[in-house]
């Protein structure tokens, strides 16, 4: 793969994120803008898949974060802005961005102590639930979408 310039990467990112929900597109674009080392991951992802597959991309980013935590002499300083961006974008934990962060980032780094110890409170909470160290509180449970209730009724499983 050739090394695209930052502008080329951002242009590719703009092109492919148009197919995503605006919330996911803005999140991924923000990661590419925030962290120069993520830009080549985005470019390679688009080159490999000819589209933006956010879950796969976040898996690549999780591996980058793990390598960075292991290789850096100051991992908290190095990964701090990136992890803060994830924490800030978690929101209420019940949106497409938090779903992406949960299933494609936290679930990939859950057993990497170098990254886990740097997580903010929201991501730490999810990691602890995922690993069985804590349980989901009633206020954290999502209501079942009405369409799902209709499907279950139709299947006789209500």
N, C-alpha and C. Protein backbone atom coordinates (compact mmCIF):
# COMPACT_ATOMS: atom_id res chain seq x y z
N UNK A 1 0.84 -1.18 0.00
CA UNK A 1 0.00 0.00 0.00
C UNK A 1 0.88 1.23 0.00
N UNK A 2 0.53 2.21 -0.78
CA UNK A 2 1.26 3.46 -0.77
C UNK A 2 0.85 4.25 0.45
N UNK A 3 1.70 5.15 0.87
CA UNK A 3 1.39 5.98 2.02
C UNK A 3 0.63 7.22 1.55
N UNK A 4 -0.68 7.24 1.74
CA UNK A 4 -1.43 8.42 1.32
C UNK A 4 -1.17 9.59 2.26
N UNK A 5 -1.29 10.78 1.73
CA UNK A 5 -1.12 11.95 2.56
C UNK A 5 -2.33 12.07 3.49
N UNK A 6 -2.20 12.88 4.52
CA UNK A 6 -3.32 13.07 5.45
C UNK A 6 -4.56 13.57 4.71
N UNK A 7 -4.38 14.49 3.76
CA UNK A 7 -5.52 15.01 3.02
C UNK A 7 -6.22 13.92 2.23
N UNK A 8 -5.43 13.02 1.61
CA UNK A 8 -6.04 11.92 0.86
C UNK A 8 -6.83 11.01 1.78
N UNK A 9 -6.29 10.74 2.96
CA UNK A 9 -6.98 9.89 3.92
C UNK A 9 -8.29 10.55 4.35
N UNK A 10 -8.23 11.80 4.68
CA UNK A 10 -9.44 12.51 5.10
C UNK A 10 -10.46 12.54 3.97
N UNK A 11 -10.02 12.74 2.72
CA UNK A 11 -10.95 12.73 1.59
C UNK A 11 -11.59 11.36 1.41
N UNK A 12 -10.80 10.30 1.55
CA UNK A 12 -11.36 8.95 1.47
C UNK A 12 -12.36 8.74 2.59
N UNK A 13 -12.01 9.22 3.77
CA UNK A 13 -12.90 9.08 4.92
C UNK A 13 -14.22 9.78 4.67
N UNK A 14 -14.16 10.99 4.13
CA UNK A 14 -15.39 11.72 3.81
C UNK A 14 -16.25 10.93 2.83
N UNK A 15 -15.62 10.35 1.82
CA UNK A 15 -16.37 9.62 0.79
C UNK A 15 -17.08 8.41 1.38
N UNK A 16 -16.38 7.65 2.20
CA UNK A 16 -16.96 6.42 2.69
C UNK A 16 -17.89 6.61 3.88
N UNK A 17 -17.68 7.60 4.67
CA UNK A 17 -18.56 7.77 5.83
C UNK A 17 -19.93 8.31 5.44
N UNK A 18 -20.09 8.77 4.21
CA UNK A 18 -21.41 9.23 3.78
C UNK A 18 -22.44 8.11 3.84
N UNK A 19 -22.00 6.86 3.75
CA UNK A 19 -22.93 5.74 3.78
C UNK A 19 -23.31 5.34 5.20
N UNK A 20 -22.66 5.90 6.20
CA UNK A 20 -22.94 5.57 7.59
C UNK A 20 -23.97 6.53 8.16
N UNK A 21 -24.52 6.18 9.33
CA UNK A 21 -25.37 7.14 10.00
C UNK A 21 -24.52 8.36 10.32
N UNK A 22 -25.11 9.53 10.36
CA UNK A 22 -24.31 10.73 10.65
C UNK A 22 -23.53 10.63 11.96
N UNK A 23 -24.14 10.03 12.96
CA UNK A 23 -23.47 9.91 14.26
C UNK A 23 -22.21 9.05 14.15
N UNK A 24 -22.28 7.91 13.47
CA UNK A 24 -21.11 7.05 13.29
C UNK A 24 -20.08 7.70 12.38
N UNK A 25 -20.54 8.35 11.32
CA UNK A 25 -19.62 9.01 10.40
C UNK A 25 -18.83 10.10 11.12
N UNK A 26 -19.50 10.90 11.91
CA UNK A 26 -18.81 11.97 12.65
C UNK A 26 -17.82 11.40 13.65
N UNK A 27 -18.20 10.32 14.30
CA UNK A 27 -17.32 9.69 15.28
C UNK A 27 -16.03 9.19 14.61
N UNK A 28 -16.18 8.43 13.54
CA UNK A 28 -15.01 7.87 12.85
C UNK A 28 -14.16 8.98 12.26
N UNK A 29 -14.80 9.95 11.67
CA UNK A 29 -14.06 11.09 11.11
C UNK A 29 -13.28 11.80 12.21
N UNK A 30 -13.89 11.96 13.37
CA UNK A 30 -13.22 12.60 14.50
C UNK A 30 -12.01 11.83 14.98
N UNK A 31 -12.08 10.50 14.95
CA UNK A 31 -10.92 9.69 15.34
C UNK A 31 -9.77 9.89 14.37
N UNK A 32 -10.09 9.93 13.08
CA UNK A 32 -9.06 10.15 12.06
C UNK A 32 -8.44 11.52 12.17
N UNK A 33 -9.22 12.50 12.55
CA UNK A 33 -8.72 13.86 12.71
C UNK A 33 -7.90 14.00 13.98
N UNK A 34 -8.32 13.34 15.05
CA UNK A 34 -7.65 13.42 16.35
C UNK A 34 -6.29 12.72 16.35
N UNK A 35 -6.24 11.55 15.76
CA UNK A 35 -5.07 10.69 15.91
C UNK A 35 -4.44 10.37 14.55
N UNK A 36 -3.29 10.97 14.25
CA UNK A 36 -2.64 10.72 12.96
C UNK A 36 -2.31 9.25 12.70
N UNK A 37 -2.04 8.47 13.74
CA UNK A 37 -1.71 7.06 13.52
C UNK A 37 -2.93 6.23 13.14
N UNK A 38 -4.13 6.77 13.33
CA UNK A 38 -5.34 6.05 12.94
C UNK A 38 -5.63 6.27 11.45
N UNK A 39 -5.17 7.37 10.90
CA UNK A 39 -5.44 7.66 9.48
C UNK A 39 -4.98 6.55 8.54
N UNK A 40 -3.76 6.02 8.71
CA UNK A 40 -3.37 4.92 7.82
C UNK A 40 -4.22 3.67 8.01
N UNK A 41 -4.71 3.45 9.22
CA UNK A 41 -5.60 2.31 9.45
C UNK A 41 -6.89 2.48 8.67
N UNK A 42 -7.40 3.70 8.64
CA UNK A 42 -8.62 3.99 7.88
C UNK A 42 -8.36 3.79 6.39
N UNK A 43 -7.24 4.32 5.91
CA UNK A 43 -6.91 4.20 4.49
C UNK A 43 -6.76 2.73 4.09
N UNK A 44 -6.05 1.96 4.90
CA UNK A 44 -5.85 0.54 4.60
C UNK A 44 -7.18 -0.21 4.65
N UNK A 45 -8.02 0.15 5.61
CA UNK A 45 -9.33 -0.48 5.74
C UNK A 45 -10.15 -0.26 4.47
N UNK A 46 -10.19 0.97 4.00
CA UNK A 46 -10.96 1.29 2.81
C UNK A 46 -10.37 0.58 1.59
N UNK A 47 -9.04 0.55 1.51
CA UNK A 47 -8.40 -0.14 0.39
C UNK A 47 -8.71 -1.63 0.41
N UNK A 48 -8.71 -2.23 1.58
CA UNK A 48 -8.96 -3.67 1.70
C UNK A 48 -10.41 -4.05 1.43
N UNK A 49 -11.35 -3.23 1.90
CA UNK A 49 -12.76 -3.61 1.85
C UNK A 49 -13.59 -2.82 0.85
N UNK A 50 -13.04 -1.77 0.28
CA UNK A 50 -13.77 -0.92 -0.66
C UNK A 50 -15.00 -0.28 -0.03
N UNK A 51 -15.04 -0.22 1.26
CA UNK A 51 -16.13 0.45 1.97
C UNK A 51 -15.72 0.60 3.43
N UNK A 52 -16.55 1.29 4.18
CA UNK A 52 -16.29 1.50 5.60
C UNK A 52 -17.11 0.49 6.39
N UNK A 53 -16.43 -0.41 7.07
CA UNK A 53 -17.07 -1.38 7.95
C UNK A 53 -16.64 -1.02 9.38
N UNK A 54 -17.43 -0.21 10.06
CA UNK A 54 -17.00 0.36 11.35
C UNK A 54 -16.55 -0.66 12.38
N UNK A 55 -17.22 -1.79 12.47
CA UNK A 55 -16.84 -2.79 13.48
C UNK A 55 -15.45 -3.35 13.22
N UNK A 56 -15.15 -3.64 11.97
CA UNK A 56 -13.82 -4.14 11.63
C UNK A 56 -12.76 -3.07 11.86
N UNK A 57 -13.08 -1.84 11.47
CA UNK A 57 -12.13 -0.74 11.66
C UNK A 57 -11.83 -0.54 13.15
N UNK A 58 -12.86 -0.57 14.00
CA UNK A 58 -12.63 -0.39 15.43
C UNK A 58 -11.81 -1.53 16.01
N UNK A 59 -11.94 -2.73 15.46
CA UNK A 59 -11.08 -3.83 15.89
C UNK A 59 -9.62 -3.52 15.59
N UNK A 60 -9.37 -2.96 14.40
CA UNK A 60 -8.01 -2.55 14.04
C UNK A 60 -7.51 -1.46 14.98
N UNK A 61 -8.39 -0.53 15.31
CA UNK A 61 -8.02 0.56 16.21
C UNK A 61 -7.75 0.02 17.61
N UNK A 62 -8.51 -0.98 18.04
CA UNK A 62 -8.25 -1.61 19.36
C UNK A 62 -6.87 -2.25 19.38
N UNK A 63 -6.50 -2.90 18.30
CA UNK A 63 -5.16 -3.50 18.23
C UNK A 63 -4.08 -2.42 18.24
N UNK A 64 -4.35 -1.31 17.56
CA UNK A 64 -3.41 -0.17 17.58
C UNK A 64 -3.24 0.34 19.01
N UNK A 65 -4.36 0.50 19.72
CA UNK A 65 -4.30 1.01 21.10
C UNK A 65 -3.52 0.05 21.99
N UNK A 66 -3.71 -1.24 21.80
CA UNK A 66 -2.98 -2.24 22.60
C UNK A 66 -1.49 -2.14 22.33
N UNK A 67 -1.11 -2.08 21.05
CA UNK A 67 0.32 -1.94 20.70
C UNK A 67 0.89 -0.65 21.27
N UNK A 68 0.14 0.42 21.15
CA UNK A 68 0.61 1.72 21.63
C UNK A 68 0.81 1.69 23.13
N UNK A 69 -0.12 1.09 23.86
CA UNK A 69 0.02 0.99 25.33
C UNK A 69 1.24 0.18 25.71
N UNK A 70 1.51 -0.88 24.96
CA UNK A 70 2.66 -1.73 25.26
C UNK A 70 3.99 -1.05 24.91
N UNK A 71 4.00 -0.32 23.79
CA UNK A 71 5.26 0.24 23.28
C UNK A 71 5.61 1.62 23.82
N UNK A 72 4.65 2.32 24.38
CA UNK A 72 4.86 3.69 24.83
C UNK A 72 5.46 3.71 26.23
N UNK A 73 6.35 4.67 26.44
CA UNK A 73 6.89 4.85 27.80
C UNK A 73 5.89 5.59 28.69
N UNK A 74 4.97 6.32 28.07
CA UNK A 74 3.93 7.03 28.81
C UNK A 74 2.56 6.77 28.15
N UNK A 75 2.03 5.54 28.33
CA UNK A 75 0.79 5.19 27.64
C UNK A 75 -0.40 6.08 28.00
N UNK A 76 -0.48 6.54 29.24
CA UNK A 76 -1.60 7.40 29.63
C UNK A 76 -1.56 8.72 28.86
N UNK A 77 -0.38 9.27 28.69
CA UNK A 77 -0.25 10.51 27.93
C UNK A 77 -0.51 10.27 26.46
N UNK A 78 0.04 9.18 25.95
CA UNK A 78 -0.07 8.88 24.53
C UNK A 78 -1.49 8.56 24.11
N UNK A 79 -2.21 7.76 24.91
CA UNK A 79 -3.56 7.33 24.55
C UNK A 79 -4.66 8.18 25.19
N UNK A 80 -4.28 9.07 26.10
CA UNK A 80 -5.28 9.86 26.83
C UNK A 80 -6.30 10.57 25.95
N UNK A 81 -5.89 11.37 24.98
CA UNK A 81 -6.88 12.07 24.15
C UNK A 81 -7.80 11.11 23.38
N UNK A 82 -7.23 10.04 22.87
CA UNK A 82 -8.02 9.05 22.13
C UNK A 82 -9.06 8.40 23.04
N UNK A 83 -8.64 7.93 24.20
CA UNK A 83 -9.57 7.27 25.11
C UNK A 83 -10.60 8.25 25.66
N UNK A 84 -10.21 9.50 25.85
CA UNK A 84 -11.18 10.51 26.29
C UNK A 84 -12.23 10.74 25.20
N UNK A 85 -11.82 10.69 23.95
CA UNK A 85 -12.78 10.84 22.83
C UNK A 85 -13.79 9.69 22.88
N UNK A 86 -13.32 8.47 23.14
CA UNK A 86 -14.25 7.34 23.24
C UNK A 86 -15.21 7.55 24.42
N UNK A 87 -14.66 7.95 25.54
CA UNK A 87 -15.48 8.18 26.74
C UNK A 87 -16.53 9.26 26.47
N UNK A 88 -16.12 10.35 25.87
CA UNK A 88 -17.05 11.45 25.57
C UNK A 88 -18.14 11.03 24.59
N UNK A 89 -17.78 10.18 23.63
CA UNK A 89 -18.75 9.76 22.62
C UNK A 89 -19.63 8.61 23.07
N UNK A 90 -19.36 8.05 24.24
CA UNK A 90 -20.19 6.98 24.77
C UNK A 90 -21.61 7.47 25.03
N UNK A 91 -21.72 8.73 25.44
CA UNK A 91 -23.04 9.30 25.71
C UNK A 91 -23.76 8.53 26.79
N UNK A 92 -25.03 8.18 26.51
CA UNK A 92 -25.84 7.45 27.49
C UNK A 92 -25.62 5.93 27.41
N UNK A 93 -24.74 5.51 26.52
CA UNK A 93 -24.46 4.09 26.37
C UNK A 93 -25.51 3.34 25.57
N UNK A 94 -26.44 4.07 24.99
CA UNK A 94 -27.53 3.43 24.24
C UNK A 94 -27.71 4.11 22.90
N UNK A 95 -26.66 4.11 22.10
CA UNK A 95 -26.68 4.75 20.80
C UNK A 95 -25.73 4.00 19.87
N UNK A 96 -25.76 4.27 18.57
CA UNK A 96 -24.91 3.52 17.64
C UNK A 96 -23.41 3.66 17.93
N UNK A 97 -22.98 4.81 18.40
CA UNK A 97 -21.55 5.00 18.67
C UNK A 97 -21.14 4.18 19.89
N UNK A 98 -21.93 4.21 20.95
CA UNK A 98 -21.56 3.41 22.13
C UNK A 98 -21.63 1.92 21.80
N UNK A 99 -22.56 1.51 20.94
CA UNK A 99 -22.60 0.11 20.51
C UNK A 99 -21.30 -0.27 19.81
N UNK A 100 -20.83 0.60 18.94
CA UNK A 100 -19.58 0.35 18.22
C UNK A 100 -18.39 0.29 19.18
N UNK A 101 -18.32 1.26 20.08
CA UNK A 101 -17.22 1.29 21.05
C UNK A 101 -17.25 0.04 21.92
N UNK A 102 -18.44 -0.35 22.36
CA UNK A 102 -18.57 -1.52 23.24
C UNK A 102 -18.14 -2.80 22.53
N UNK A 103 -18.77 -3.09 21.40
CA UNK A 103 -18.57 -4.39 20.77
C UNK A 103 -17.28 -4.49 19.96
N UNK A 104 -16.76 -3.38 19.51
CA UNK A 104 -15.59 -3.46 18.63
C UNK A 104 -14.33 -2.85 19.23
N UNK A 105 -14.45 -2.17 20.34
CA UNK A 105 -13.24 -1.68 21.01
C UNK A 105 -13.09 -2.35 22.37
N UNK A 106 -14.01 -2.08 23.28
CA UNK A 106 -13.87 -2.60 24.64
C UNK A 106 -13.81 -4.12 24.64
N UNK A 107 -14.64 -4.77 23.83
CA UNK A 107 -14.63 -6.23 23.81
C UNK A 107 -13.36 -6.80 23.17
N UNK A 108 -12.60 -5.97 22.49
CA UNK A 108 -11.31 -6.40 21.94
C UNK A 108 -10.15 -6.15 22.90
N UNK A 109 -10.30 -5.21 23.83
CA UNK A 109 -9.20 -4.88 24.75
C UNK A 109 -9.50 -5.31 26.18
N UNK A 110 -10.62 -6.00 26.40
CA UNK A 110 -11.08 -6.29 27.76
C UNK A 110 -10.03 -6.98 28.63
N UNK A 111 -9.12 -7.74 28.00
CA UNK A 111 -8.11 -8.45 28.79
C UNK A 111 -6.70 -7.90 28.56
N UNK A 112 -6.63 -6.66 28.13
CA UNK A 112 -5.35 -5.98 27.93
C UNK A 112 -5.17 -4.95 29.05
N UNK A 113 -4.51 -5.32 30.14
CA UNK A 113 -4.43 -4.42 31.30
C UNK A 113 -3.81 -3.07 30.98
N UNK A 114 -2.90 -3.01 30.02
CA UNK A 114 -2.27 -1.74 29.67
C UNK A 114 -3.26 -0.73 29.12
N UNK A 115 -4.33 -1.21 28.49
CA UNK A 115 -5.36 -0.31 27.97
C UNK A 115 -6.50 -0.18 28.99
N UNK A 116 -6.92 -1.31 29.56
CA UNK A 116 -8.05 -1.31 30.49
C UNK A 116 -7.83 -0.31 31.62
N UNK A 117 -6.63 -0.26 32.17
CA UNK A 117 -6.37 0.64 33.30
C UNK A 117 -6.48 2.12 32.92
N UNK A 118 -6.48 2.41 31.62
CA UNK A 118 -6.56 3.80 31.16
C UNK A 118 -7.98 4.23 30.80
N UNK A 119 -8.93 3.29 30.81
CA UNK A 119 -10.30 3.61 30.43
C UNK A 119 -10.94 4.56 31.43
N UNK A 120 -11.83 5.39 30.92
CA UNK A 120 -12.62 6.27 31.77
C UNK A 120 -13.73 5.49 32.46
N UNK A 121 -14.52 6.16 33.29
CA UNK A 121 -15.52 5.45 34.11
C UNK A 121 -16.61 4.74 33.30
N UNK A 122 -17.07 5.32 32.20
CA UNK A 122 -18.14 4.68 31.42
C UNK A 122 -17.63 3.42 30.74
N UNK A 123 -16.45 3.53 30.12
CA UNK A 123 -15.90 2.36 29.44
C UNK A 123 -15.46 1.30 30.44
N UNK A 124 -14.96 1.71 31.59
CA UNK A 124 -14.60 0.76 32.64
C UNK A 124 -15.84 0.01 33.10
N UNK A 125 -16.93 0.73 33.28
CA UNK A 125 -18.18 0.09 33.71
C UNK A 125 -18.59 -0.98 32.70
N UNK A 126 -18.55 -0.63 31.42
CA UNK A 126 -18.93 -1.61 30.40
C UNK A 126 -17.97 -2.81 30.42
N UNK A 127 -16.68 -2.56 30.54
CA UNK A 127 -15.69 -3.63 30.57
C UNK A 127 -15.95 -4.56 31.75
N UNK A 128 -16.31 -4.00 32.88
CA UNK A 128 -16.58 -4.81 34.07
C UNK A 128 -17.86 -5.63 33.90
N UNK A 129 -18.86 -5.07 33.24
CA UNK A 129 -20.08 -5.83 32.95
C UNK A 129 -19.75 -6.95 31.96
N UNK A 130 -19.02 -6.62 30.93
CA UNK A 130 -18.66 -7.60 29.90
C UNK A 130 -17.88 -8.78 30.49
N UNK A 131 -17.02 -8.50 31.44
CA UNK A 131 -16.19 -9.56 32.04
C UNK A 131 -16.86 -10.22 33.25
N UNK A 132 -18.09 -9.83 33.58
CA UNK A 132 -18.82 -10.45 34.67
C UNK A 132 -18.44 -9.95 36.05
N UNK A 133 -17.70 -8.87 36.12
CA UNK A 133 -17.31 -8.31 37.41
C UNK A 133 -18.41 -7.46 38.02
N UNK A 134 -19.33 -7.00 37.19
CA UNK A 134 -20.49 -6.22 37.63
C UNK A 134 -21.69 -6.67 36.81
N UNK A 135 -22.88 -6.34 37.31
CA UNK A 135 -24.10 -6.68 36.57
C UNK A 135 -24.77 -5.42 36.06
N UNK A 136 -25.59 -5.61 35.05
CA UNK A 136 -26.31 -4.49 34.45
C UNK A 136 -27.41 -4.06 35.42
N UNK A 137 -27.48 -2.77 35.67
CA UNK A 137 -28.53 -2.22 36.53
C UNK A 137 -29.82 -2.07 35.69
N UNK A 138 -30.97 -2.06 36.34
CA UNK A 138 -32.23 -1.90 35.60
C UNK A 138 -32.26 -0.63 34.74
N UNK A 139 -31.67 0.46 35.22
CA UNK A 139 -31.70 1.70 34.45
C UNK A 139 -30.78 1.66 33.22
N UNK A 140 -29.93 0.63 33.12
CA UNK A 140 -29.03 0.49 31.98
C UNK A 140 -29.61 -0.41 30.89
N UNK A 141 -30.71 -1.06 31.19
CA UNK A 141 -31.32 -1.97 30.21
C UNK A 141 -32.10 -1.16 29.19
N UNK A 142 -31.93 -1.53 27.95
CA UNK A 142 -32.65 -0.86 26.87
C UNK A 142 -34.06 -1.40 26.76
N UNK A 143 -34.99 -0.50 26.50
CA UNK A 143 -36.35 -1.00 26.25
C UNK A 143 -36.37 -1.75 24.91
N UNK A 144 -37.20 -2.76 24.83
CA UNK A 144 -37.31 -3.52 23.60
C UNK A 144 -38.03 -2.66 22.55
N UNK A 145 -37.46 -2.55 21.35
CA UNK A 145 -38.13 -1.78 20.30
C UNK A 145 -39.50 -2.39 19.97
N UNK A 146 -40.45 -1.53 19.64
CA UNK A 146 -41.81 -2.01 19.38
C UNK A 146 -41.84 -2.99 18.22
N UNK A 147 -41.00 -2.79 17.23
CA UNK A 147 -40.98 -3.72 16.10
C UNK A 147 -40.54 -5.11 16.57
N UNK A 148 -39.64 -5.18 17.53
CA UNK A 148 -39.20 -6.48 18.05
C UNK A 148 -40.34 -7.15 18.81
N UNK A 149 -41.10 -6.35 19.55
CA UNK A 149 -42.26 -6.90 20.26
C UNK A 149 -43.26 -7.47 19.26
N UNK A 150 -43.47 -6.76 18.15
CA UNK A 150 -44.40 -7.23 17.11
C UNK A 150 -43.92 -8.54 16.50
N UNK A 151 -42.63 -8.64 16.26
CA UNK A 151 -42.06 -9.86 15.69
C UNK A 151 -42.25 -11.03 16.65
N UNK A 152 -41.94 -10.79 17.93
CA UNK A 152 -42.10 -11.85 18.93
C UNK A 152 -43.55 -12.28 19.05
N UNK A 153 -44.48 -11.29 19.01
CA UNK A 153 -45.91 -11.63 19.05
C UNK A 153 -46.28 -12.51 17.85
N UNK A 154 -45.81 -12.13 16.68
CA UNK A 154 -46.10 -12.88 15.46
C UNK A 154 -45.57 -14.31 15.54
N UNK A 155 -44.42 -14.47 16.20
CA UNK A 155 -43.83 -15.79 16.36
C UNK A 155 -44.40 -16.55 17.55
N UNK A 156 -45.32 -15.91 18.31
CA UNK A 156 -45.91 -16.55 19.47
C UNK A 156 -44.95 -16.66 20.64
N UNK A 157 -44.03 -15.72 20.73
CA UNK A 157 -43.02 -15.76 21.78
C UNK A 157 -43.08 -14.52 22.67
N UNK A 158 -44.24 -13.93 22.82
CA UNK A 158 -44.34 -12.68 23.59
C UNK A 158 -44.31 -12.86 25.03
